[in-house]
Amino acid sequence: MSPRFIVLDGVEGCGKSTQARKLAAHLRAEGHEVVLTHEPGGTPVGEAIRELILDPAYPEMDPLAELMLFCASRAQHCRQVIAPALQRGAWVVCDRFSSATLAYQGHAGGLGVAAVQQVNRVATAGLEPDLLIVLDADPRVGWARKFSGKQSDPADRIEQKSLQFHEAVREGFRQVARCAKAAVVIDADRSPEEVFSSVIAAILEGAC
């Protein structure tokens, strides 16, 4: 298989980070160079922006300002990490990408898809994943999964938004998947092993 840019995305607690790690390990075991990365963040500049975006101390952050910060992080990420990795022949497995901005800020946040796409297009210079994998989960199940452990971190600024907001995010991801050039929606309300089997199947079946 030729190198690919794979994005895993979905609502809070859907298991995307777990699946991204499992996919990266699987691909490395097959002999591929793999860059496992995430958004917001992925670079020193991006991590600094991530701390600002997710800090609960800023509940008044305007949705447009939020969008600009996400895309600033993404611009650095694309130019410093993702594009160079793809150019040298590596696979890139990314935990969140522009799909998240469309679902969170465009759909649930009320900015609209067109506005988000316009800013995102500048940030990415047109770079798109070869395959978007949306892990579809009930936000209530995801929340319980994410915060059920005693060692769970406190909820960040976005995680603290209402259930209605996160339900809108879920529907936003479904709409994003329908419009993406290559996307698959996978039922994430199952065991990690079952979900991972579906992730591998999506790649092997040539969805990207």
N, C-alpha and C. Protein backbone atom coordinates (compact mmCIF):
# COMPACT_ATOMS: atom_id res chain seq x y z
N MET A 1 0.85 -1.20 0.00
CA MET A 1 0.00 0.00 0.00
C MET A 1 0.88 1.24 0.00
N SER A 2 0.48 2.23 -0.77
CA SER A 2 1.23 3.48 -0.81
C SER A 2 0.96 4.28 0.46
N PRO A 3 1.84 5.23 0.79
CA PRO A 3 1.64 6.03 2.01
C PRO A 3 0.32 6.77 1.98
N ARG A 4 -0.29 6.87 3.15
CA ARG A 4 -1.60 7.50 3.24
C ARG A 4 -1.69 8.40 4.45
N PHE A 5 -2.61 9.33 4.36
CA PHE A 5 -2.92 10.25 5.44
C PHE A 5 -4.28 9.83 5.99
N ILE A 6 -4.30 9.26 7.19
CA ILE A 6 -5.52 8.74 7.80
C ILE A 6 -5.89 9.59 9.01
N VAL A 7 -7.13 10.05 9.07
CA VAL A 7 -7.62 10.84 10.20
C VAL A 7 -8.70 10.05 10.92
N LEU A 8 -8.61 9.99 12.25
CA LEU A 8 -9.66 9.42 13.08
C LEU A 8 -10.29 10.54 13.88
N ASP A 9 -11.62 10.60 13.86
CA ASP A 9 -12.30 11.72 14.50
C ASP A 9 -13.63 11.26 15.07
N GLY A 10 -14.25 12.13 15.88
CA GLY A 10 -15.54 11.80 16.47
C GLY A 10 -15.76 12.56 17.76
N VAL A 11 -16.87 12.29 18.41
CA VAL A 11 -17.24 13.01 19.64
C VAL A 11 -16.29 12.65 20.78
N GLU A 12 -16.38 13.41 21.87
CA GLU A 12 -15.55 13.15 23.03
C GLU A 12 -15.80 11.72 23.54
N GLY A 13 -14.70 11.01 23.82
CA GLY A 13 -14.82 9.67 24.38
C GLY A 13 -15.16 8.58 23.39
N CYS A 14 -15.07 8.88 22.09
CA CYS A 14 -15.42 7.86 21.08
C CYS A 14 -14.33 6.81 20.91
N GLY A 15 -13.15 7.06 21.45
CA GLY A 15 -12.05 6.10 21.36
C GLY A 15 -11.07 6.36 20.24
N LYS A 16 -11.13 7.55 19.64
CA LYS A 16 -10.27 7.84 18.50
C LYS A 16 -8.78 7.78 18.84
N SER A 17 -8.40 8.27 20.03
CA SER A 17 -6.98 8.24 20.40
C SER A 17 -6.49 6.81 20.56
N THR A 18 -7.31 5.97 21.16
CA THR A 18 -6.96 4.55 21.31
C THR A 18 -6.81 3.89 19.95
N GLN A 19 -7.77 4.15 19.06
CA GLN A 19 -7.72 3.54 17.73
C GLN A 19 -6.56 4.07 16.90
N ALA A 20 -6.22 5.35 17.07
CA ALA A 20 -5.08 5.91 16.34
C ALA A 20 -3.78 5.23 16.78
N ARG A 21 -3.63 5.01 18.08
CA ARG A 21 -2.43 4.32 18.57
C ARG A 21 -2.38 2.88 18.07
N LYS A 22 -3.51 2.19 18.09
CA LYS A 22 -3.55 0.81 17.62
C LYS A 22 -3.23 0.72 16.13
N LEU A 23 -3.76 1.68 15.36
CA LEU A 23 -3.51 1.68 13.92
C LEU A 23 -2.04 1.95 13.63
N ALA A 24 -1.46 2.92 14.33
CA ALA A 24 -0.03 3.23 14.13
C ALA A 24 0.84 2.02 14.45
N ALA A 25 0.54 1.33 15.55
CA ALA A 25 1.31 0.14 15.93
C ALA A 25 1.16 -0.96 14.88
N HIS A 26 -0.04 -1.13 14.37
CA HIS A 26 -0.30 -2.15 13.34
C HIS A 26 0.50 -1.86 12.07
N LEU A 27 0.49 -0.62 11.65
CA LEU A 27 1.21 -0.25 10.42
C LEU A 27 2.72 -0.37 10.61
N ARG A 28 3.21 0.00 11.78
CA ARG A 28 4.65 -0.15 12.04
C ARG A 28 5.06 -1.61 12.04
N ALA A 29 4.19 -2.47 12.58
CA ALA A 29 4.49 -3.90 12.58
C ALA A 29 4.57 -4.46 11.17
N GLU A 30 3.90 -3.80 10.23
CA GLU A 30 3.95 -4.22 8.83
C GLU A 30 5.13 -3.59 8.09
N GLY A 31 5.95 -2.82 8.81
CA GLY A 31 7.16 -2.27 8.22
C GLY A 31 7.07 -0.87 7.68
N HIS A 32 5.96 -0.18 7.94
CA HIS A 32 5.80 1.19 7.44
C HIS A 32 6.36 2.21 8.43
N GLU A 33 6.88 3.29 7.89
CA GLU A 33 7.17 4.44 8.74
C GLU A 33 5.84 5.14 9.01
N VAL A 34 5.56 5.42 10.27
CA VAL A 34 4.29 6.03 10.64
C VAL A 34 4.54 7.23 11.55
N VAL A 35 3.90 8.33 11.22
CA VAL A 35 3.87 9.50 12.10
C VAL A 35 2.50 9.53 12.76
N LEU A 36 2.48 9.35 14.07
CA LEU A 36 1.25 9.43 14.85
C LEU A 36 1.18 10.81 15.48
N THR A 37 0.13 11.54 15.17
CA THR A 37 0.06 12.92 15.64
C THR A 37 -1.38 13.26 16.01
N HIS A 38 -1.61 14.50 16.44
CA HIS A 38 -2.94 14.88 16.93
C HIS A 38 -3.17 16.38 16.77
N GLU A 39 -4.44 16.75 16.86
CA GLU A 39 -4.83 18.16 16.84
C GLU A 39 -5.87 18.43 17.94
N PRO A 40 -5.94 19.66 18.44
CA PRO A 40 -4.96 20.72 18.20
C PRO A 40 -3.64 20.35 18.85
N GLY A 41 -2.56 20.79 18.24
CA GLY A 41 -1.23 20.47 18.75
C GLY A 41 -0.37 19.88 17.66
N GLY A 42 0.45 18.91 18.05
CA GLY A 42 1.30 18.23 17.09
C GLY A 42 2.64 18.90 16.85
N THR A 43 2.78 20.13 17.28
CA THR A 43 4.03 20.88 17.18
C THR A 43 4.15 21.73 18.46
N PRO A 44 5.35 22.25 18.78
CA PRO A 44 5.46 23.12 19.95
C PRO A 44 4.52 24.33 19.88
N VAL A 45 4.42 24.94 18.70
CA VAL A 45 3.51 26.07 18.53
C VAL A 45 2.07 25.61 18.75
N GLY A 46 1.72 24.47 18.14
CA GLY A 46 0.38 23.95 18.26
C GLY A 46 0.00 23.57 19.68
N GLU A 47 0.95 23.04 20.43
CA GLU A 47 0.66 22.66 21.82
C GLU A 47 0.39 23.89 22.68
N ALA A 48 1.10 24.97 22.41
CA ALA A 48 0.84 26.21 23.15
C ALA A 48 -0.56 26.74 22.83
N ILE A 49 -0.95 26.66 21.56
CA ILE A 49 -2.29 27.08 21.17
C ILE A 49 -3.33 26.16 21.80
N ARG A 50 -3.05 24.86 21.85
CA ARG A 50 -3.97 23.88 22.44
C ARG A 50 -4.30 24.24 23.90
N GLU A 51 -3.28 24.59 24.65
CA GLU A 51 -3.50 24.95 26.05
C GLU A 51 -4.45 26.13 26.17
N LEU A 52 -4.32 27.09 25.29
CA LEU A 52 -5.19 28.26 25.32
C LEU A 52 -6.62 27.89 24.93
N ILE A 53 -6.77 27.11 23.86
CA ILE A 53 -8.09 26.75 23.38
C ILE A 53 -8.89 25.97 24.44
N LEU A 54 -8.24 25.03 25.11
CA LEU A 54 -8.93 24.12 26.00
C LEU A 54 -9.01 24.58 27.45
N ASP A 55 -8.38 25.69 27.76
CA ASP A 55 -8.35 26.18 29.14
C ASP A 55 -9.74 26.62 29.60
N PRO A 56 -10.30 25.99 30.64
CA PRO A 56 -11.62 26.39 31.14
C PRO A 56 -11.67 27.82 31.69
N ALA A 57 -10.52 28.43 31.85
CA ALA A 57 -10.47 29.80 32.36
C ALA A 57 -10.99 30.81 31.34
N TYR A 58 -11.24 30.37 30.08
CA TYR A 58 -11.69 31.29 29.04
C TYR A 58 -13.04 30.86 28.47
N PRO A 59 -14.08 30.81 29.29
CA PRO A 59 -15.40 30.38 28.80
C PRO A 59 -16.01 31.36 27.81
N GLU A 60 -15.51 32.59 27.81
CA GLU A 60 -16.09 33.61 26.94
C GLU A 60 -15.49 33.61 25.54
N MET A 61 -14.62 32.66 25.23
CA MET A 61 -13.96 32.65 23.92
C MET A 61 -14.99 32.63 22.79
N ASP A 62 -14.89 33.57 21.88
CA ASP A 62 -15.81 33.68 20.76
C ASP A 62 -15.58 32.53 19.78
N PRO A 63 -16.65 31.96 19.20
CA PRO A 63 -16.48 30.85 18.25
C PRO A 63 -15.56 31.17 17.08
N LEU A 64 -15.59 32.41 16.60
CA LEU A 64 -14.72 32.77 15.49
C LEU A 64 -13.26 32.80 15.94
N ALA A 65 -13.02 33.32 17.13
CA ALA A 65 -11.65 33.31 17.67
C ALA A 65 -11.18 31.87 17.85
N GLU A 66 -12.08 31.02 18.32
CA GLU A 66 -11.77 29.60 18.51
C GLU A 66 -11.38 28.97 17.18
N LEU A 67 -12.15 29.25 16.13
CA LEU A 67 -11.85 28.72 14.81
C LEU A 67 -10.47 29.16 14.34
N MET A 68 -10.16 30.43 14.52
CA MET A 68 -8.87 30.95 14.07
C MET A 68 -7.72 30.28 14.81
N LEU A 69 -7.91 30.01 16.10
CA LEU A 69 -6.85 29.37 16.87
C LEU A 69 -6.65 27.92 16.41
N PHE A 70 -7.74 27.19 16.21
CA PHE A 70 -7.61 25.83 15.71
C PHE A 70 -6.88 25.81 14.37
N CYS A 71 -7.23 26.72 13.50
CA CYS A 71 -6.61 26.73 12.16
C CYS A 71 -5.18 27.24 12.19
N ALA A 72 -4.85 28.09 13.15
CA ALA A 72 -3.45 28.50 13.31
C ALA A 72 -2.60 27.30 13.71
N SER A 73 -3.11 26.51 14.65
CA SER A 73 -2.41 25.29 15.05
C SER A 73 -2.28 24.34 13.86
N ARG A 74 -3.35 24.22 13.07
CA ARG A 74 -3.34 23.30 11.92
C ARG A 74 -2.36 23.76 10.84
N ALA A 75 -2.27 25.04 10.61
CA ALA A 75 -1.33 25.54 9.60
C ALA A 75 0.11 25.14 9.95
N GLN A 76 0.47 25.32 11.21
CA GLN A 76 1.81 24.93 11.66
C GLN A 76 2.00 23.42 11.55
N HIS A 77 0.98 22.69 11.93
CA HIS A 77 1.01 21.23 11.91
C HIS A 77 1.20 20.69 10.50
N CYS A 78 0.44 21.21 9.56
CA CYS A 78 0.54 20.76 8.17
C CYS A 78 1.93 21.02 7.60
N ARG A 79 2.44 22.21 7.84
CA ARG A 79 3.70 22.60 7.23
C ARG A 79 4.92 21.98 7.92
N GLN A 80 4.82 21.78 9.22
CA GLN A 80 5.98 21.28 9.96
C GLN A 80 6.00 19.76 10.07
N VAL A 81 4.84 19.12 10.11
CA VAL A 81 4.79 17.68 10.39
C VAL A 81 4.15 16.87 9.26
N ILE A 82 2.90 17.18 8.93
CA ILE A 82 2.14 16.29 8.05
C ILE A 82 2.68 16.27 6.62
N ALA A 83 2.79 17.43 6.00
CA ALA A 83 3.26 17.48 4.61
C ALA A 83 4.66 16.89 4.45
N PRO A 84 5.63 17.25 5.30
CA PRO A 84 6.96 16.64 5.16
C PRO A 84 6.95 15.12 5.30
N ALA A 85 6.12 14.59 6.22
CA ALA A 85 6.05 13.14 6.41
C ALA A 85 5.51 12.45 5.16
N LEU A 86 4.46 13.01 4.58
CA LEU A 86 3.88 12.42 3.38
C LEU A 86 4.86 12.51 2.21
N GLN A 87 5.60 13.60 2.13
CA GLN A 87 6.54 13.79 1.04
C GLN A 87 7.68 12.78 1.08
N ARG A 88 8.06 12.35 2.29
CA ARG A 88 9.15 11.37 2.39
C ARG A 88 8.64 9.93 2.35
N GLY A 89 7.33 9.73 2.20
CA GLY A 89 6.79 8.40 2.03
C GLY A 89 6.25 7.75 3.27
N ALA A 90 6.10 8.50 4.36
CA ALA A 90 5.56 7.94 5.59
C ALA A 90 4.04 7.97 5.59
N TRP A 91 3.45 7.10 6.39
CA TRP A 91 2.02 7.19 6.68
C TRP A 91 1.84 8.22 7.79
N VAL A 92 0.73 8.92 7.77
CA VAL A 92 0.37 9.84 8.85
C VAL A 92 -0.97 9.40 9.42
N VAL A 93 -0.99 9.14 10.71
CA VAL A 93 -2.23 8.81 11.42
C VAL A 93 -2.49 9.96 12.38
N CYS A 94 -3.60 10.67 12.17
CA CYS A 94 -3.86 11.90 12.92
C CYS A 94 -5.16 11.79 13.73
N ASP A 95 -5.05 12.10 14.99
CA ASP A 95 -6.18 12.15 15.92
C ASP A 95 -6.78 13.55 15.82
N ARG A 96 -7.84 13.68 15.06
CA ARG A 96 -8.55 14.93 14.73
C ARG A 96 -7.83 15.70 13.61
N PHE A 97 -8.66 16.39 12.81
CA PHE A 97 -8.14 17.27 11.76
C PHE A 97 -9.25 18.24 11.41
N SER A 98 -9.33 18.67 10.18
CA SER A 98 -10.32 19.69 9.79
C SER A 98 -11.75 19.22 9.98
N SER A 99 -11.98 17.92 9.95
CA SER A 99 -13.31 17.37 10.21
C SER A 99 -13.84 17.82 11.56
N ALA A 100 -12.97 17.90 12.56
CA ALA A 100 -13.39 18.33 13.89
C ALA A 100 -13.82 19.79 13.88
N THR A 101 -13.10 20.62 13.16
CA THR A 101 -13.45 22.04 13.10
C THR A 101 -14.80 22.23 12.42
N LEU A 102 -15.05 21.45 11.38
CA LEU A 102 -16.35 21.54 10.70
C LEU A 102 -17.48 21.10 11.63
N ALA A 103 -17.26 20.02 12.38
CA ALA A 103 -18.31 19.50 13.26
C ALA A 103 -18.53 20.38 14.49
N TYR A 104 -17.45 20.79 15.12
CA TYR A 104 -17.55 21.56 16.36
C TYR A 104 -17.89 23.03 16.12
N GLN A 105 -17.07 23.71 15.34
CA GLN A 105 -17.29 25.14 15.14
C GLN A 105 -18.29 25.43 14.02
N GLY A 106 -18.25 24.63 12.95
CA GLY A 106 -19.15 24.88 11.84
C GLY A 106 -20.58 24.49 12.12
N HIS A 107 -20.80 23.23 12.53
CA HIS A 107 -22.15 22.73 12.77
C HIS A 107 -22.66 23.10 14.16
N ALA A 108 -21.99 22.59 15.20
CA ALA A 108 -22.48 22.80 16.57
C ALA A 108 -22.27 24.24 17.04
N GLY A 109 -21.18 24.87 16.60
CA GLY A 109 -20.86 26.22 17.06
C GLY A 109 -21.57 27.33 16.32
N GLY A 110 -22.23 26.99 15.21
CA GLY A 110 -23.04 27.97 14.51
C GLY A 110 -22.33 28.86 13.52
N LEU A 111 -21.05 28.61 13.25
CA LEU A 111 -20.34 29.47 12.30
C LEU A 111 -20.69 29.14 10.85
N GLY A 112 -21.16 27.93 10.62
CA GLY A 112 -21.51 27.53 9.27
C GLY A 112 -20.35 26.85 8.56
N VAL A 113 -20.68 25.89 7.73
CA VAL A 113 -19.67 25.10 7.04
C VAL A 113 -18.84 25.95 6.08
N ALA A 114 -19.47 26.85 5.36
CA ALA A 114 -18.75 27.63 4.35
C ALA A 114 -17.64 28.48 4.96
N ALA A 115 -17.94 29.12 6.09
CA ALA A 115 -16.94 29.96 6.75
C ALA A 115 -15.76 29.13 7.24
N VAL A 116 -16.07 27.98 7.83
CA VAL A 116 -15.01 27.11 8.35
C VAL A 116 -14.16 26.57 7.20
N GLN A 117 -14.80 26.16 6.13
CA GLN A 117 -14.05 25.63 4.99
C GLN A 117 -13.12 26.68 4.40
N GLN A 118 -13.57 27.93 4.37
CA GLN A 118 -12.75 28.99 3.79
C GLN A 118 -11.47 29.20 4.60
N VAL A 119 -11.60 29.27 5.92
CA VAL A 119 -10.43 29.47 6.77
C VAL A 119 -9.54 28.22 6.75
N ASN A 120 -10.18 27.06 6.80
CA ASN A 120 -9.42 25.82 6.83
C ASN A 120 -8.63 25.60 5.55
N ARG A 121 -9.19 26.00 4.43
CA ARG A 121 -8.51 25.82 3.15
C ARG A 121 -7.20 26.59 3.13
N VAL A 122 -7.19 27.76 3.72
CA VAL A 122 -5.97 28.56 3.80
C VAL A 122 -4.97 27.87 4.73
N ALA A 123 -5.46 27.38 5.88
CA ALA A 123 -4.58 26.77 6.87
C ALA A 123 -3.90 25.51 6.34
N THR A 124 -4.62 24.70 5.59
CA THR A 124 -4.09 23.42 5.12
C THR A 124 -3.43 23.48 3.75
N ALA A 125 -3.60 24.61 3.06
CA ALA A 125 -3.13 24.73 1.67
C ALA A 125 -3.72 23.61 0.81
N GLY A 126 -4.96 23.21 1.15
CA GLY A 126 -5.66 22.21 0.36
C GLY A 126 -5.37 20.76 0.74
N LEU A 127 -4.55 20.54 1.76
CA LEU A 127 -4.23 19.17 2.17
C LEU A 127 -5.45 18.51 2.81
N GLU A 128 -5.81 17.33 2.32
CA GLU A 128 -6.94 16.57 2.84
C GLU A 128 -6.52 15.14 3.14
N PRO A 129 -7.17 14.50 4.10
CA PRO A 129 -6.83 13.09 4.37
C PRO A 129 -7.24 12.18 3.22
N ASP A 130 -6.50 11.10 3.05
CA ASP A 130 -6.89 10.08 2.08
C ASP A 130 -8.09 9.31 2.58
N LEU A 131 -8.23 9.23 3.90
CA LEU A 131 -9.39 8.57 4.49
C LEU A 131 -9.72 9.21 5.83
N LEU A 132 -10.97 9.61 5.99
CA LEU A 132 -11.49 10.09 7.27
C LEU A 132 -12.29 8.96 7.90
N ILE A 133 -11.93 8.58 9.11
CA ILE A 133 -12.66 7.56 9.85
C ILE A 133 -13.38 8.25 11.00
N VAL A 134 -14.70 8.31 10.91
CA VAL A 134 -15.52 8.90 11.97
C VAL A 134 -16.00 7.78 12.89
N LEU A 135 -15.61 7.85 14.14
CA LEU A 135 -16.06 6.89 15.14
C LEU A 135 -17.33 7.44 15.76
N ASP A 136 -18.43 6.85 15.39
CA ASP A 136 -19.74 7.35 15.78
C ASP A 136 -20.17 6.75 17.12
N ALA A 137 -20.37 7.61 18.13
CA ALA A 137 -20.75 7.15 19.46
C ALA A 137 -21.78 8.09 20.06
N ASP A 138 -22.62 7.55 20.91
CA ASP A 138 -23.55 8.36 21.68
C ASP A 138 -22.73 9.24 22.62
N PRO A 139 -22.91 10.58 22.58
CA PRO A 139 -22.11 11.46 23.45
C PRO A 139 -22.19 11.09 24.92
N ARG A 140 -23.33 10.58 25.37
CA ARG A 140 -23.47 10.20 26.77
C ARG A 140 -22.60 8.99 27.10
N VAL A 141 -22.52 8.06 26.16
CA VAL A 141 -21.67 6.89 26.34
C VAL A 141 -20.20 7.31 26.32
N GLY A 142 -19.86 8.19 25.38
CA GLY A 142 -18.49 8.66 25.29
C GLY A 142 -18.05 9.40 26.53
N TRP A 143 -18.94 10.24 27.05
CA TRP A 143 -18.63 11.00 28.27
C TRP A 143 -18.38 10.05 29.44
N ALA A 144 -19.26 9.06 29.60
CA ALA A 144 -19.10 8.10 30.69
C ALA A 144 -17.81 7.31 30.55
N ARG A 145 -17.49 6.95 29.32
CA ARG A 145 -16.26 6.19 29.06
C ARG A 145 -15.03 7.02 29.40
N LYS A 146 -15.07 8.29 29.02
CA LYS A 146 -13.89 9.14 29.19
C LYS A 146 -13.65 9.54 30.63
N PHE A 147 -14.72 9.71 31.39
CA PHE A 147 -14.56 10.25 32.75
C PHE A 147 -14.96 9.27 33.85
N SER A 148 -15.00 7.99 33.53
CA SER A 148 -15.40 7.00 34.53
C SER A 148 -14.25 6.60 35.45
N GLY A 149 -13.01 6.72 34.98
CA GLY A 149 -11.86 6.31 35.78
C GLY A 149 -11.49 7.32 36.86
N LYS A 150 -10.92 6.82 37.94
CA LYS A 150 -10.53 7.69 39.05
C LYS A 150 -9.42 8.65 38.66
N GLN A 151 -8.61 8.26 37.67
CA GLN A 151 -7.46 9.08 37.27
C GLN A 151 -7.79 10.01 36.11
N SER A 152 -9.06 10.15 35.78
CA SER A 152 -9.44 10.98 34.65
C SER A 152 -9.08 12.45 34.90
N ASP A 153 -8.61 13.12 33.85
CA ASP A 153 -8.34 14.55 33.94
C ASP A 153 -9.66 15.30 34.00
N PRO A 154 -9.68 16.48 34.61
CA PRO A 154 -10.92 17.27 34.60
C PRO A 154 -11.29 17.68 33.18
N ALA A 155 -12.58 17.88 32.96
CA ALA A 155 -13.06 18.25 31.63
C ALA A 155 -12.48 19.59 31.19
N ASP A 156 -12.09 19.68 29.91
CA ASP A 156 -11.57 20.94 29.40
C ASP A 156 -12.72 21.84 28.98
N ARG A 157 -12.38 23.01 28.43
CA ARG A 157 -13.40 24.02 28.11
C ARG A 157 -14.44 23.50 27.13
N ILE A 158 -14.03 22.75 26.13
CA ILE A 158 -14.96 22.25 25.13
C ILE A 158 -15.74 21.05 25.66
N GLU A 159 -15.08 20.18 26.40
CA GLU A 159 -15.77 19.04 26.99
C GLU A 159 -16.88 19.46 27.94
N GLN A 160 -16.73 20.65 28.53
CA GLN A 160 -17.71 21.15 29.50
C GLN A 160 -18.99 21.68 28.85
N LYS A 161 -19.02 21.74 27.53
CA LYS A 161 -20.23 22.25 26.87
C LYS A 161 -21.39 21.28 27.06
N SER A 162 -22.60 21.74 26.78
CA SER A 162 -23.82 20.99 27.08
C SER A 162 -23.94 19.71 26.26
N LEU A 163 -24.78 18.79 26.75
CA LEU A 163 -25.07 17.57 26.00
C LEU A 163 -25.68 17.90 24.65
N GLN A 164 -26.53 18.91 24.60
CA GLN A 164 -27.13 19.32 23.33
C GLN A 164 -26.06 19.73 22.33
N PHE A 165 -25.03 20.43 22.79
CA PHE A 165 -23.93 20.83 21.91
C PHE A 165 -23.23 19.58 21.36
N HIS A 166 -22.93 18.62 22.22
CA HIS A 166 -22.20 17.44 21.79
C HIS A 166 -23.05 16.54 20.89
N GLU A 167 -24.36 16.56 21.07
CA GLU A 167 -25.23 15.83 20.15
C GLU A 167 -25.21 16.49 18.78
N ALA A 168 -25.13 17.82 18.76
CA ALA A 168 -25.01 18.54 17.49
C ALA A 168 -23.67 18.24 16.83
N VAL A 169 -22.64 18.08 17.63
CA VAL A 169 -21.32 17.71 17.10
C VAL A 169 -21.40 16.34 16.42
N ARG A 170 -22.07 15.39 17.08
CA ARG A 170 -22.22 14.05 16.49
C ARG A 170 -22.88 14.12 15.13
N GLU A 171 -23.97 14.87 15.03
CA GLU A 171 -24.65 15.01 13.74
C GLU A 171 -23.75 15.74 12.74
N GLY A 172 -22.95 16.69 13.24
CA GLY A 172 -22.02 17.39 12.37
C GLY A 172 -21.01 16.45 11.75
N PHE A 173 -20.49 15.52 12.54
CA PHE A 173 -19.54 14.55 12.00
C PHE A 173 -20.18 13.68 10.93
N ARG A 174 -21.43 13.30 11.14
CA ARG A 174 -22.12 12.49 10.15
C ARG A 174 -22.25 13.25 8.83
N GLN A 175 -22.55 14.54 8.93
CA GLN A 175 -22.67 15.36 7.72
C GLN A 175 -21.32 15.54 7.05
N VAL A 176 -20.28 15.74 7.85
CA VAL A 176 -18.93 15.87 7.29
C VAL A 176 -18.54 14.62 6.53
N ALA A 177 -18.83 13.45 7.11
CA ALA A 177 -18.49 12.18 6.45
C ALA A 177 -19.22 12.03 5.13
N ARG A 178 -20.47 12.47 5.09
CA ARG A 178 -21.25 12.35 3.84
C ARG A 178 -20.66 13.21 2.74
N CYS A 179 -20.04 14.31 3.11
CA CYS A 179 -19.52 15.25 2.10
C CYS A 179 -18.04 15.06 1.80
N ALA A 180 -17.33 14.26 2.60
CA ALA A 180 -15.89 14.08 2.41
C ALA A 180 -15.60 13.28 1.15
N LYS A 181 -14.41 13.47 0.61
CA LYS A 181 -14.05 12.75 -0.62
C LYS A 181 -13.86 11.26 -0.35
N ALA A 182 -13.45 10.91 0.86
CA ALA A 182 -13.30 9.50 1.23
C ALA A 182 -13.47 9.39 2.74
N ALA A 183 -14.56 8.78 3.16
CA ALA A 183 -14.85 8.71 4.60
C ALA A 183 -15.65 7.46 4.90
N VAL A 184 -15.52 6.98 6.11
CA VAL A 184 -16.31 5.86 6.60
C VAL A 184 -16.75 6.18 8.02
N VAL A 185 -17.98 5.84 8.34
CA VAL A 185 -18.51 6.02 9.70
C VAL A 185 -18.58 4.64 10.34
N ILE A 186 -17.96 4.51 11.50
CA ILE A 186 -17.86 3.23 12.20
C ILE A 186 -18.56 3.33 13.55
N ASP A 187 -19.37 2.35 13.87
CA ASP A 187 -20.04 2.29 15.16
C ASP A 187 -19.00 2.11 16.25
N ALA A 188 -18.86 3.13 17.12
CA ALA A 188 -17.86 3.08 18.18
C ALA A 188 -18.42 2.67 19.52
N ASP A 189 -19.72 2.36 19.58
CA ASP A 189 -20.33 1.89 20.82
C ASP A 189 -20.14 0.38 20.96
N ARG A 190 -18.92 -0.07 20.68
CA ARG A 190 -18.55 -1.48 20.76
C ARG A 190 -17.20 -1.58 21.46
N SER A 191 -16.69 -2.78 21.59
CA SER A 191 -15.39 -2.96 22.23
C SER A 191 -14.29 -2.38 21.35
N PRO A 192 -13.16 -1.96 21.94
CA PRO A 192 -12.04 -1.45 21.14
C PRO A 192 -11.58 -2.43 20.07
N GLU A 193 -11.62 -3.73 20.38
CA GLU A 193 -11.18 -4.74 19.43
C GLU A 193 -12.11 -4.81 18.22
N GLU A 194 -13.41 -4.74 18.47
CA GLU A 194 -14.38 -4.77 17.37
C GLU A 194 -14.25 -3.52 16.50
N VAL A 195 -14.07 -2.38 17.14
CA VAL A 195 -13.91 -1.14 16.39
C VAL A 195 -12.64 -1.19 15.54
N PHE A 196 -11.56 -1.70 16.12
CA PHE A 196 -10.30 -1.75 15.39
C PHE A 196 -10.40 -2.65 14.17
N SER A 197 -11.12 -3.75 14.29
CA SER A 197 -11.32 -4.63 13.14
C SER A 197 -12.01 -3.87 11.99
N SER A 198 -12.95 -3.01 12.35
CA SER A 198 -13.64 -2.21 11.33
C SER A 198 -12.73 -1.16 10.72
N VAL A 199 -11.84 -0.60 11.55
CA VAL A 199 -10.88 0.40 11.05
C VAL A 199 -9.95 -0.25 10.01
N ILE A 200 -9.41 -1.41 10.34
CA ILE A 200 -8.52 -2.10 9.42
C ILE A 200 -9.26 -2.50 8.15
N ALA A 201 -10.48 -2.96 8.31
CA ALA A 201 -11.27 -3.36 7.15
C ALA A 201 -11.50 -2.17 6.21
N ALA A 202 -11.76 -1.00 6.77
CA ALA A 202 -11.99 0.18 5.95
C ALA A 202 -10.78 0.53 5.11
N ILE A 203 -9.60 0.33 5.69
CA ILE A 203 -8.37 0.64 4.96
C ILE A 203 -8.09 -0.43 3.90
N LEU A 204 -8.23 -1.69 4.29
CA LEU A 204 -7.93 -2.79 3.37
C LEU A 204 -8.92 -2.88 2.21
N GLU A 205 -10.13 -2.45 2.46
CA GLU A 205 -11.16 -2.49 1.40
C GLU A 205 -11.00 -1.36 0.39
N GLY A 206 -9.97 -0.53 0.61
CA GLY A 206 -9.70 0.51 -0.36
C GLY A 206 -10.57 1.72 -0.24
N ALA A 207 -11.10 1.95 0.98
CA ALA A 207 -11.96 3.14 1.18
C ALA A 207 -11.20 4.41 0.93
N CYS A 208 -9.88 4.36 1.05
CA CYS A 208 -9.08 5.56 0.78
C CYS A 208 -8.32 5.40 -0.51
